[in-house]
Amino acid sequence: MKNLATLIFAAILFSTTMNAQLKPVKYAEGSQALNGLFIKSAKKSANNPGILLLPAWLGIDNASKGIAEELSKLGYNVFIADIYGEGNYPTNTSEAGKQAGFYKSNPEAYQKRINAALQELVKSGANADNIVAIGYCFGGTGVLEAVRGHLNVKGIASFHGGLGKDAARKTEPTSVKVLICHGADDPFVPKEEIASFQQEMRDSKADWQMIYYANSVHSFTNPEAGNDNSKGAAYNAVAAKRSFEHLQLFLNEVLKK
């Protein structure tokens, strides 16, 4: 009996460990083959809260994987989106800039690619009406497009993301809750862009908040960004910790667990 109990416990432990792993998911948007990652919540919940994670401009990276794993431990089903797709993965920042630039200039294409990932998150087990989208850098811009494109999310959180949109685009009302985590010294987001974004939020009647982190520039959540603020992008451990805590407060408010 003791051996049987040991075997049962080992099987449960193995199952739990396997469920907590990031798993590759092949999917598509139109004719474009895509490769995302899904990790199941480490906690059971009748509400099956989900988080769609949009990575930075180089695509799925160690930073996004680490964040997904942490959110899984907190009780969320997480899907990391593949925006570029097979045959289009950048190998350097120059290529990443061109790829990201295309989607920033073609927001409807970006919204479609985001929505394809959102549907995969639901297929993987998340409640379609209990999802928040979070994004980093280029992905931080993307989650705002999820709001502007009226995708089915309860809230969005953008970390050191671009905030602007073409002034010719119409601003429409939204019920999506918005959290912006922004480096106070980020040189890549002009003051004019921030002012325009905040006016967009007011005009859309959004429930929004924008938090500034001192001594922080672009990419402040990414440990692989170095620590030289003069380069415009650098890791800041204090800001990273605080912003993750702010994210948890936001998720606890917006999603049912």
Protein backbone atom coordinates (compact mmCIF):
# COMPACT_ATOMS: atom_id res chain seq x y z
CA MET A 1 0.00 0.00 0.00
CA LYS A 2 2.86 2.32 0.84
CA ASN A 3 4.43 1.72 -2.59
CA LEU A 4 1.06 2.31 -4.28
CA ALA A 5 0.60 5.58 -2.41
CA THR A 6 4.10 6.64 -3.44
CA LEU A 7 3.35 5.85 -7.08
CA ILE A 8 0.06 7.79 -6.98
CA PHE A 9 1.78 10.79 -5.38
CA ALA A 10 4.56 10.66 -7.99
CA ALA A 11 1.99 10.52 -10.79
CA ILE A 12 0.15 13.55 -9.39
CA LEU A 13 3.42 15.44 -8.98
CA PHE A 14 4.48 14.56 -12.52
CA SER A 15 1.10 15.64 -13.88
CA THR A 16 1.25 18.94 -12.01
CA THR A 17 4.78 19.57 -13.22
CA MET A 18 3.85 18.80 -16.81
CA ASN A 19 0.83 21.09 -16.67
CA ALA A 20 3.04 23.93 -15.46
CA GLN A 21 5.28 23.80 -18.51
CA LEU A 22 5.19 26.11 -21.51
CA LYS A 23 3.84 24.11 -24.43
CA PRO A 24 4.24 24.97 -28.14
CA VAL A 25 1.01 25.68 -30.01
CA LYS A 26 0.84 25.75 -33.80
CA TYR A 27 -1.92 27.93 -35.19
CA ALA A 28 -2.56 30.27 -38.10
CA GLU A 29 -3.96 33.63 -39.12
CA GLY A 30 -5.07 33.43 -42.72
CA SER A 31 -2.31 31.63 -44.61
CA GLN A 32 0.40 32.56 -42.11
CA ALA A 33 1.65 29.73 -39.88
CA LEU A 34 2.25 30.84 -36.30
CA ASN A 35 3.95 29.32 -33.25
CA GLY A 36 2.77 30.42 -29.83
CA LEU A 37 3.34 29.10 -26.32
CA PHE A 38 0.72 28.18 -23.73
CA ILE A 39 1.06 27.50 -20.03
CA LYS A 40 -1.83 26.26 -17.94
CA SER A 41 -2.73 27.78 -14.59
CA ALA A 42 -1.07 25.99 -11.68
CA LYS A 43 -4.29 26.51 -9.72
CA LYS A 44 -7.75 25.19 -10.46
CA SER A 45 -10.49 27.78 -10.97
CA ALA A 46 -14.07 27.61 -12.16
CA ASN A 47 -13.57 31.00 -13.82
CA ASN A 48 -10.47 30.00 -15.84
CA PRO A 49 -8.88 33.49 -16.06
CA GLY A 50 -6.63 34.01 -19.05
CA ILE A 51 -3.78 36.31 -19.98
CA LEU A 52 -2.70 36.99 -23.54
CA LEU A 53 0.95 38.06 -23.55
CA LEU A 54 2.32 40.07 -26.47
CA PRO A 55 6.15 40.02 -26.49
CA ALA A 56 8.63 42.71 -27.45
CA TRP A 57 9.83 43.38 -31.01
CA LEU A 58 12.27 40.47 -31.23
CA GLY A 59 9.36 38.07 -30.69
CA ILE A 60 8.95 35.39 -28.04
CA ASP A 61 11.94 35.74 -25.72
CA ASN A 62 13.21 34.62 -22.33
CA ALA A 63 11.63 37.61 -20.62
CA SER A 64 8.13 36.80 -21.90
CA LYS A 65 8.55 33.11 -21.03
CA GLY A 66 9.59 33.96 -17.49
CA ILE A 67 6.63 36.28 -16.99
CA ALA A 68 4.23 33.66 -18.35
CA GLU A 69 5.58 31.08 -15.92
CA GLU A 70 5.19 33.45 -12.95
CA LEU A 71 1.60 34.32 -13.95
CA SER A 72 0.78 30.62 -14.26
CA LYS A 73 1.86 30.10 -10.65
CA LEU A 74 -0.51 32.90 -9.62
CA GLY A 75 -3.48 31.12 -11.20
CA TYR A 76 -3.70 32.33 -14.80
CA ASN A 77 -3.76 30.49 -18.11
CA VAL A 78 -1.25 32.30 -20.31
CA PHE A 79 -0.74 32.32 -24.07
CA ILE A 80 2.31 34.04 -25.61
CA ALA A 81 1.42 35.29 -29.08
CA ASP A 82 3.50 34.89 -32.21
CA ILE A 83 2.95 38.07 -34.20
CA TYR A 84 5.41 37.60 -37.07
CA GLY A 85 4.98 33.93 -37.99
CA GLU A 86 7.14 31.33 -39.68
CA GLY A 87 9.59 32.77 -42.20
CA ASN A 88 9.42 36.24 -40.67
CA TYR A 89 11.28 35.95 -37.37
CA PRO A 90 13.83 38.77 -36.93
CA THR A 91 17.40 37.86 -36.12
CA ASN A 92 18.54 41.34 -35.10
CA THR A 93 17.13 44.69 -34.02
CA SER A 94 17.20 46.10 -37.55
CA GLU A 95 14.95 43.32 -38.83
CA ALA A 96 12.78 43.61 -35.72
CA GLY A 97 12.34 47.32 -36.33
CA LYS A 98 11.10 46.69 -39.87
CA GLN A 99 8.70 43.94 -38.79
CA ALA A 100 7.32 45.91 -35.86
CA GLY A 101 7.11 49.03 -38.00
CA PHE A 102 4.86 47.24 -40.46
CA TYR A 103 2.31 46.35 -37.79
CA LYS A 104 2.46 49.76 -36.18
CA SER A 105 1.68 51.29 -39.58
CA ASN A 106 -1.01 48.69 -40.29
CA PRO A 107 -3.00 48.46 -37.06
CA GLU A 108 -5.79 46.35 -38.57
CA ALA A 109 -3.23 43.66 -39.51
CA TYR A 110 -1.84 43.84 -35.98
CA GLN A 111 -5.33 43.50 -34.49
CA LYS A 112 -6.05 40.41 -36.62
CA ARG A 113 -2.80 38.77 -35.54
CA ILE A 114 -3.56 39.55 -31.90
CA ASN A 115 -7.09 38.24 -32.21
CA ALA A 116 -5.80 34.96 -33.68
CA ALA A 117 -3.69 34.46 -30.55
CA LEU A 118 -6.62 35.45 -28.35
CA GLN A 119 -8.73 32.68 -29.91
CA GLU A 120 -5.96 30.17 -29.22
CA LEU A 121 -5.91 31.19 -25.57
CA VAL A 122 -9.64 30.44 -25.41
CA LYS A 123 -9.19 27.12 -27.22
CA SER A 124 -6.54 26.22 -24.65
CA GLY A 125 -9.05 26.57 -21.83
CA ALA A 126 -9.31 30.22 -20.78
CA ASN A 127 -12.73 31.79 -20.28
CA ALA A 128 -13.39 33.98 -23.32
CA ASP A 129 -15.01 36.62 -21.10
CA ASN A 130 -12.32 36.63 -18.43
CA ILE A 131 -9.13 37.69 -20.22
CA VAL A 132 -6.56 40.47 -19.87
CA ALA A 133 -3.95 41.24 -22.54
CA ILE A 134 -0.49 42.37 -21.43
CA GLY A 135 2.37 43.51 -23.62
CA TYR A 136 5.97 44.67 -23.49
CA CYS A 137 7.58 47.31 -25.77
CA PHE A 138 6.15 46.49 -29.22
CA GLY A 139 3.66 44.23 -27.44
CA GLY A 140 2.76 47.16 -25.20
CA THR A 141 1.66 48.98 -28.32
CA GLY A 142 -0.23 45.88 -29.38
CA VAL A 143 -2.43 45.66 -26.30
CA LEU A 144 -3.62 49.19 -26.99
CA GLU A 145 -4.59 48.00 -30.47
CA ALA A 146 -6.62 45.27 -28.76
CA VAL A 147 -8.61 48.07 -27.11
CA ARG A 148 -8.88 50.15 -30.27
CA GLY A 149 -9.91 47.09 -32.27
CA HIS A 150 -12.62 46.15 -29.76
CA LEU A 151 -11.17 42.70 -29.07
CA ASN A 152 -12.83 40.72 -26.30
CA VAL A 153 -10.62 41.53 -23.32
CA LYS A 154 -11.59 42.87 -19.90
CA GLY A 155 -8.42 44.88 -19.49
CA ILE A 156 -4.96 45.55 -20.87
CA ALA A 157 -1.59 46.30 -19.28
CA SER A 158 1.17 47.93 -21.32
CA PHE A 159 4.78 47.95 -20.13
CA HIS A 160 7.18 50.47 -21.71
CA GLY A 161 5.07 50.38 -24.89
CA GLY A 162 4.47 52.93 -27.60
CA LEU A 163 1.28 54.87 -26.96
CA GLY A 164 0.56 56.78 -30.15
CA LYS A 165 -1.93 56.32 -32.94
CA ASP A 166 -2.62 58.14 -36.17
CA ALA A 167 -4.59 61.29 -35.38
CA ALA A 168 -6.88 60.51 -38.32
CA ARG A 169 -8.12 57.37 -36.58
CA LYS A 170 -11.39 57.72 -34.73
CA THR A 171 -11.47 57.44 -30.94
CA GLU A 172 -14.39 55.35 -29.70
CA PRO A 173 -15.79 54.63 -26.24
CA THR A 174 -14.43 51.57 -24.43
CA SER A 175 -15.23 49.64 -21.26
CA VAL A 176 -11.80 47.95 -21.24
CA LYS A 177 -9.72 48.85 -18.18
CA VAL A 178 -6.26 50.19 -19.01
CA LEU A 179 -2.98 50.07 -17.07
CA ILE A 180 0.12 51.79 -18.46
CA CYS A 181 3.47 51.11 -16.76
CA HIS A 182 5.93 53.67 -18.08
CA GLY A 183 9.58 54.51 -17.53
CA ALA A 184 9.76 58.14 -16.40
CA ASP A 185 12.92 58.67 -18.48
CA ASP A 186 11.93 56.64 -21.57
CA PRO A 187 13.41 58.57 -24.52
CA PHE A 188 11.42 56.65 -27.14
CA VAL A 189 8.00 57.94 -26.12
CA PRO A 190 7.78 61.71 -26.68
CA LYS A 191 5.83 63.95 -24.30
CA GLU A 192 3.48 64.83 -27.16
CA GLU A 193 2.66 61.14 -27.64
CA ILE A 194 1.92 60.74 -23.94
CA ALA A 195 -0.34 63.81 -23.93
CA SER A 196 -2.18 62.58 -27.03
CA PHE A 197 -2.66 59.13 -25.51
CA GLN A 198 -4.02 60.53 -22.27
CA GLN A 199 -6.48 62.66 -24.22
CA GLU A 200 -7.52 59.54 -26.15
CA MET A 201 -8.25 57.81 -22.86
CA ARG A 202 -10.34 60.74 -21.65
CA ASP A 203 -12.24 60.94 -24.94
CA SER A 204 -12.94 57.20 -24.89
CA LYS A 205 -14.26 57.41 -21.31
CA ALA A 206 -11.84 54.63 -20.37
CA ASP A 207 -11.07 53.51 -16.83
CA TRP A 208 -7.32 54.07 -17.11
CA GLN A 209 -4.23 54.59 -15.01
CA MET A 210 -0.65 55.46 -15.94
CA ILE A 211 2.19 54.77 -13.51
CA TYR A 212 5.65 56.31 -13.93
CA TYR A 213 8.78 54.60 -12.58
CA ALA A 214 11.71 56.78 -11.55
CA ASN A 215 15.15 56.34 -13.15
CA SER A 216 13.63 53.97 -15.70
CA VAL A 217 13.95 53.96 -19.47
CA HIS A 218 12.67 51.63 -22.18
CA SER A 219 12.69 47.86 -21.49
CA PHE A 220 12.93 48.33 -17.74
CA THR A 221 11.32 44.91 -17.09
CA ASN A 222 13.82 42.93 -19.19
CA PRO A 223 16.91 41.59 -17.34
CA GLU A 224 18.66 41.10 -20.69
CA ALA A 225 18.45 44.82 -21.56
CA GLY A 226 21.63 45.72 -19.63
CA ASN A 227 21.86 48.46 -17.02
CA ASP A 228 23.05 51.50 -18.97
CA ASN A 229 20.21 54.04 -19.02
CA SER A 230 22.17 56.24 -21.44
CA LYS A 231 21.39 53.72 -24.19
CA GLY A 232 17.68 54.43 -23.80
CA ALA A 233 16.80 50.83 -22.94
CA ALA A 234 17.91 49.17 -19.69
CA TYR A 235 16.72 46.90 -16.92
CA ASN A 236 15.65 48.40 -13.62
CA ALA A 237 15.07 45.76 -10.94
CA VAL A 238 13.10 48.07 -8.65
CA ALA A 239 10.77 49.24 -11.43
CA ALA A 240 10.37 45.68 -12.71
CA LYS A 241 9.33 44.47 -9.25
CA ARG A 242 6.97 47.36 -8.65
CA SER A 243 5.34 47.11 -12.05
CA PHE A 244 4.74 43.37 -11.60
CA GLU A 245 3.10 44.09 -8.26
CA HIS A 246 0.94 46.74 -9.92
CA LEU A 247 0.01 44.18 -12.57
CA GLN A 248 -1.11 41.74 -9.87
CA LEU A 249 -3.31 44.39 -8.26
CA PHE A 250 -4.81 45.15 -11.67
CA LEU A 251 -5.47 41.49 -12.45
CA ASN A 252 -7.08 40.93 -9.06
CA GLU A 253 -9.42 43.83 -9.77
CA VAL A 254 -10.30 42.99 -13.38
CA LEU A 255 -10.42 39.19 -13.58
CA LYS A 256 -12.53 36.66 -11.74
CA LYS A 257 -10.45 33.94 -10.11
